[in-house]
C-alpha atoms as a PDB file:
ATOM      1  CA  MET A   1     100.166-150.636 137.522  1.00  0.00           C
ATOM      2  CA  GLU A   2     101.188-147.231 138.256  1.00  0.00           C
ATOM      3  CA  THR A   3      99.404-145.390 140.727  1.00  0.00           C
ATOM      4  CA  ILE A   4      97.744-142.182 139.856  1.00  0.00           C
ATOM      5  CA  LEU A   5      96.019-141.410 143.119  1.00  0.00           C
ATOM      6  CA  ASP A   6      97.310-142.538 146.185  1.00  0.00           C
ATOM      7  CA  ALA A   7      95.012-143.052 149.432  1.00  0.00           C
ATOM      8  CA  ARG A   8      96.122-139.447 150.834  1.00  0.00           C
ATOM      9  CA  ALA A   9      95.308-137.772 147.643  1.00  0.00           C
ATOM     10  CA  ILE A  10      92.240-139.988 147.435  1.00  0.00           C
ATOM     11  CA  GLN A  11      91.206-138.467 150.800  1.00  0.00           C
ATOM     12  CA  ASP A  12      91.848-134.962 149.884  1.00  0.00           C
ATOM     13  CA  LEU A  13      88.935-135.382 147.433  1.00  0.00           C
ATOM     14  CA  LEU A  14      86.828-137.928 149.188  1.00  0.00           C
ATOM     15  CA  PRO A  15      85.364-136.947 152.442  1.00  0.00           C
ATOM     16  CA  HIS A  16      85.038-140.817 153.527  1.00  0.00           C
ATOM     17  CA  ARG A  17      87.710-142.364 155.713  1.00  0.00           C
ATOM     18  CA  TYR A  18      88.030-146.006 157.775  1.00  0.00           C
ATOM     19  CA  PRO A  19      86.071-147.793 157.938  1.00  0.00           C
ATOM     20  CA  PHE A  20      84.378-146.315 154.547  1.00  0.00           C
ATOM     21  CA  LEU A  21      86.818-145.503 152.193  1.00  0.00           C
ATOM     22  CA  LEU A  22      86.499-148.312 149.844  1.00  0.00           C
ATOM     23  CA  VAL A  23      89.142-147.420 147.186  1.00  0.00           C
ATOM     24  CA  ASP A  24      93.167-147.405 147.839  1.00  0.00           C
ATOM     25  CA  ARG A  25      94.594-146.057 144.698  1.00  0.00           C
ATOM     26  CA  ILE A  26      93.687-144.998 141.522  1.00  0.00           C
ATOM     27  CA  VAL A  27      95.971-146.686 138.655  1.00  0.00           C
ATOM     28  CA  GLU A  28      93.962-144.817 135.421  1.00  0.00           C
ATOM     29  CA  LEU A  29      92.295-141.697 135.199  1.00  0.00           C
ATOM     30  CA  VAL A  30      91.345-139.587 131.781  1.00  0.00           C
ATOM     31  CA  PRO A  31      89.331-136.741 132.428  1.00  0.00           C
ATOM     32  CA  ARG A  32      85.129-136.722 132.088  1.00  0.00           C
ATOM     33  CA  GLU A  33      86.121-139.995 130.510  1.00  0.00           C
ATOM     34  CA  ARG A  34      87.189-143.392 132.696  1.00  0.00           C
ATOM     35  CA  ILE A  35      88.529-143.938 135.894  1.00  0.00           C
ATOM     36  CA  VAL A  36      89.750-147.461 137.220  1.00  0.00           C
ATOM     37  CA  GLY A  37      90.317-147.446 141.330  1.00  0.00           C
ATOM     38  CA  ILE A  38      92.067-150.521 143.477  1.00  0.00           C
ATOM     39  CA  LYS A  39      90.774-151.854 146.323  1.00  0.00           C
ATOM     40  CA  GLN A  40      92.711-154.547 148.241  1.00  0.00           C
ATOM     41  CA  VAL A  41      89.886-156.835 150.479  1.00  0.00           C
ATOM     42  CA  SER A  42      91.872-158.532 153.347  1.00  0.00           C
ATOM     43  CA  MET A  43      90.542-160.156 155.998  1.00  0.00           C
ATOM     44  CA  GLY A  44      90.405-157.680 158.190  1.00  0.00           C
ATOM     45  CA  GLU A  45      87.185-155.314 157.047  1.00  0.00           C
ATOM     46  CA  PRO A  46      84.786-154.850 159.947  1.00  0.00           C
ATOM     47  CA  PHE A  47      81.955-155.963 157.020  1.00  0.00           C
ATOM     48  CA  PHE A  48      83.482-159.551 157.297  1.00  0.00           C
ATOM     49  CA  GLN A  49      82.647-160.306 161.096  1.00  0.00           C
ATOM     50  CA  GLY A  50      79.226-161.127 159.959  1.00  0.00           C
ATOM     51  CA  HIS A  51      78.837-160.929 156.615  1.00  0.00           C
ATOM     52  CA  PHE A  52      79.075-164.549 156.505  1.00  0.00           C
ATOM     53  CA  PRO A  53      80.831-166.061 159.217  1.00  0.00           C
ATOM     54  CA  GLY A  54      82.853-168.917 158.598  1.00  0.00           C
ATOM     55  CA  VAL A  55      82.355-167.759 154.824  1.00  0.00           C
ATOM     56  CA  PRO A  56      83.463-163.820 154.266  1.00  0.00           C
ATOM     57  CA  VAL A  57      82.134-162.021 151.128  1.00  0.00           C
ATOM     58  CA  MET A  58      81.782-158.679 150.862  1.00  0.00           C
ATOM     59  CA  PRO A  59      78.648-157.183 150.780  1.00  0.00           C
ATOM     60  CA  GLY A  60      77.255-156.607 146.732  1.00  0.00           C
ATOM     61  CA  VAL A  61      76.470-153.635 148.088  1.00  0.00           C
ATOM     62  CA  LEU A  62      79.265-151.847 149.457  1.00  0.00           C
ATOM     63  CA  VAL A  63      81.056-153.184 146.151  1.00  0.00           C
ATOM     64  CA  ILE A  64      78.653-150.356 144.094  1.00  0.00           C
ATOM     65  CA  GLU A  65      79.494-148.705 147.266  1.00  0.00           C
ATOM     66  CA  ALA A  66      83.565-149.114 145.822  1.00  0.00           C
ATOM     67  CA  LEU A  67      82.099-148.121 142.324  1.00  0.00           C
ATOM     68  CA  ALA A  68      80.227-145.001 143.265  1.00  0.00           C
ATOM     69  CA  GLN A  69      83.729-143.610 145.533  1.00  0.00           C
ATOM     70  CA  VAL A  70      85.780-144.025 142.255  1.00  0.00           C
ATOM     71  CA  GLY A  71      83.310-142.323 140.443  1.00  0.00           C
ATOM     72  CA  ALA A  72      83.348-139.434 142.673  1.00  0.00           C
ATOM     73  CA  ILE A  73      86.881-139.039 142.166  1.00  0.00           C
ATOM     74  CA  LEU A  74      86.286-138.333 138.076  1.00  0.00           C
ATOM     75  CA  ALA A  75      82.962-135.892 139.176  1.00  0.00           C
ATOM     76  CA  LEU A  76      84.966-134.206 141.870  1.00  0.00           C
ATOM     77  CA  ARG A  77      88.524-133.929 139.980  1.00  0.00           C
ATOM     78  CA  GLU A  78      86.751-131.626 137.517  1.00  0.00           C
ATOM     79  CA  ILE A  79      85.162-129.472 140.343  1.00  0.00           C
ATOM     80  CA  ALA A  80      87.325-126.330 141.552  1.00  0.00           C
ATOM     81  CA  ASP A  81      85.880-125.584 144.670  1.00  0.00           C
ATOM     82  CA  ARG A  82      85.308-129.370 145.439  1.00  0.00           C
ATOM     83  CA  ASP A  83      86.342-129.090 149.474  1.00  0.00           C
ATOM     84  CA  ARG A  84      83.097-127.409 149.785  1.00  0.00           C
ATOM     85  CA  LYS A  85      81.691-130.094 147.827  1.00  0.00           C
ATOM     86  CA  LEU A  86      80.169-133.710 148.211  1.00  0.00           C
ATOM     87  CA  VAL A  87      78.140-135.981 145.583  1.00  0.00           C
ATOM     88  CA  LEU A  88      75.492-137.942 146.573  1.00  0.00           C
ATOM     89  CA  PHE A  89      74.583-140.969 145.713  1.00  0.00           C
ATOM     90  CA  SER A  90      70.811-140.264 143.674  1.00  0.00           C
ATOM     91  CA  GLY A  91      69.942-143.604 142.344  1.00  0.00           C
ATOM     92  CA  ILE A  92      71.067-147.221 140.699  1.00  0.00           C
ATOM     93  CA  ASN A  93      70.437-148.986 137.666  1.00  0.00           C
ATOM     94  CA  ASN A  94      70.426-152.462 136.320  1.00  0.00           C
ATOM     95  CA  ALA A  95      72.990-153.650 139.292  1.00  0.00           C
ATOM     96  CA  ARG A  96      73.948-156.939 139.031  1.00  0.00           C
ATOM     97  CA  PHE A  97      76.248-159.114 140.758  1.00  0.00           C
ATOM     98  CA  ARG A  98      77.834-161.624 139.274  1.00  0.00           C
ATOM     99  CA  HIS A  99      80.739-163.472 141.534  1.00  0.00           C
ATOM    100  CA  PRO A 100      80.679-163.425 145.437  1.00  0.00           C
ATOM    101  CA  VAL A 101      84.113-161.117 146.270  1.00  0.00           C
ATOM    102  CA  PHE A 102      85.871-163.239 149.303  1.00  0.00           C
ATOM    103  CA  PRO A 103      89.434-161.561 151.482  1.00  0.00           C
ATOM    104  CA  GLY A 104      92.398-161.493 149.341  1.00  0.00           C
ATOM    105  CA  ASP A 105      90.728-160.453 146.672  1.00  0.00           C
ATOM    106  CA  THR A 106      91.781-157.576 144.422  1.00  0.00           C
ATOM    107  CA  LEU A 107      89.022-155.530 143.131  1.00  0.00           C
ATOM    108  CA  VAL A 108      89.529-154.010 139.991  1.00  0.00           C
ATOM    109  CA  LEU A 109      87.030-150.395 139.468  1.00  0.00           C
ATOM    110  CA  GLU A 110      86.356-149.392 136.337  1.00  0.00           C
ATOM    111  CA  VAL A 111      84.260-146.340 135.883  1.00  0.00           C
ATOM    112  CA  THR A 112      83.368-144.707 133.143  1.00  0.00           C
ATOM    113  CA  ALA A 113      81.107-141.305 132.636  1.00  0.00           C
ATOM    114  CA  LEU A 114      77.951-141.822 130.945  1.00  0.00           C
ATOM    115  CA  ARG A 115      77.393-137.507 131.668  1.00  0.00           C
ATOM    116  CA  VAL A 116      79.473-135.738 133.689  1.00  0.00           C
ATOM    117  CA  GLY A 117      78.044-132.577 134.545  1.00  0.00           C
ATOM    118  CA  SER A 118      78.226-130.064 137.329  1.00  0.00           C
ATOM    119  CA  ARG A 119      75.509-131.180 139.582  1.00  0.00           C
ATOM    120  CA  VAL A 120      74.256-133.866 138.055  1.00  0.00           C
ATOM    121  CA  GLN A 121      76.566-137.457 136.722  1.00  0.00           C
ATOM    122  CA  ARG A 122      75.929-140.239 135.209  1.00  0.00           C
ATOM    123  CA  MET A 123      78.502-143.482 135.105  1.00  0.00           C
ATOM    124  CA  ARG A 124      78.580-146.984 134.399  1.00  0.00           C
ATOM    125  CA  GLY A 125      80.642-149.136 136.418  1.00  0.00           C
ATOM    126  CA  GLU A 126      82.535-152.360 136.360  1.00  0.00           C
ATOM    127  CA  ALA A 127      84.204-154.388 139.524  1.00  0.00           C
ATOM    128  CA  LYS A 128      86.752-157.199 138.596  1.00  0.00           C
ATOM    129  CA  VAL A 129      88.492-159.950 140.558  1.00  0.00           C
ATOM    130  CA  ASP A 130      91.267-161.271 138.164  1.00  0.00           C
ATOM    131  CA  GLY A 131      89.828-160.163 134.791  1.00  0.00           C
ATOM    132  CA  LYS A 132      86.052-161.824 135.975  1.00  0.00           C
ATOM    133  CA  LEU A 133      83.330-158.938 136.043  1.00  0.00           C
ATOM    134  CA  VAL A 134      81.816-159.311 139.863  1.00  0.00           C
ATOM    135  CA  ALA A 135      79.578-156.965 139.245  1.00  0.00           C
ATOM    136  CA  GLU A 136      78.017-153.710 137.614  1.00  0.00           C
ATOM    137  CA  ALA A 137      75.831-150.838 137.584  1.00  0.00           C
ATOM    138  CA  GLU A 138      74.544-147.892 136.588  1.00  0.00           C
ATOM    139  CA  ILE A 139      75.346-144.916 139.480  1.00  0.00           C
ATOM    140  CA  MET A 140      73.635-141.975 139.330  1.00  0.00           C
ATOM    141  CA  SER A 141      74.378-139.177 142.019  1.00  0.00           C
ATOM    142  CA  VAL A 142      74.622-135.170 142.622  1.00  0.00           C
ATOM    143  CA  VAL A 143      76.866-132.812 143.849  1.00  0.00           C
ATOM    144  CA  ALA A 144      75.844-131.267 146.447  1.00  0.00           C
ATOM    145  CA  ASP A 145      76.840-127.915 149.105  1.00  0.00           C
ATOM    146  CA  ARG A 146      78.459-129.476 152.314  1.00  0.00           C
ATOM    147  CA  ASP A 147      76.781-127.201 153.574  1.00  0.00           C
ATOM    148  CA  SER A 148      73.042-127.465 152.116  1.00  0.00           C
ATOM    149  CA  ALA A 149      73.323-131.070 152.388  1.00  0.00           C
ATOM    150  CA  LEU A 150      73.783-130.625 156.645  1.00  0.00           C
ATOM    151  CA  ASN A 151      70.759-128.330 156.993  1.00  0.00           C
ATOM    152  CA  ALA A 152      68.877-130.782 154.538  1.00  0.00           C
END
């Protein structure tokens, strides 16, 4: 898979940083329609220390967060003044967890835009490992000014 956006380019778009940046690269991108990101899940992830000792499983909420981050990249690329914006989670519908994610897995994060507006986003995400669906959800978010989000 060809890398369209690497870790540095992703960090230029998203405010997230380690340990909460959950996407390593973008491998497919159709503006305003679809995006595919990759997360290499390693044993060094801090959440594996307690989830679960002896049986490390990536928390499902973090798989959904990874999908949301990929969706935020799709949305932010369309916003001219994106350095002054934040994409904030506003809702999750129909989230399903089909299979656990383990250290060593390559998480493929596919997000399709259902509604991309200047303020409100609605997307459908699917997370897969080895082509097998591990999680899915409909994700809603709002685009907010960073300054007003800090003063809310």
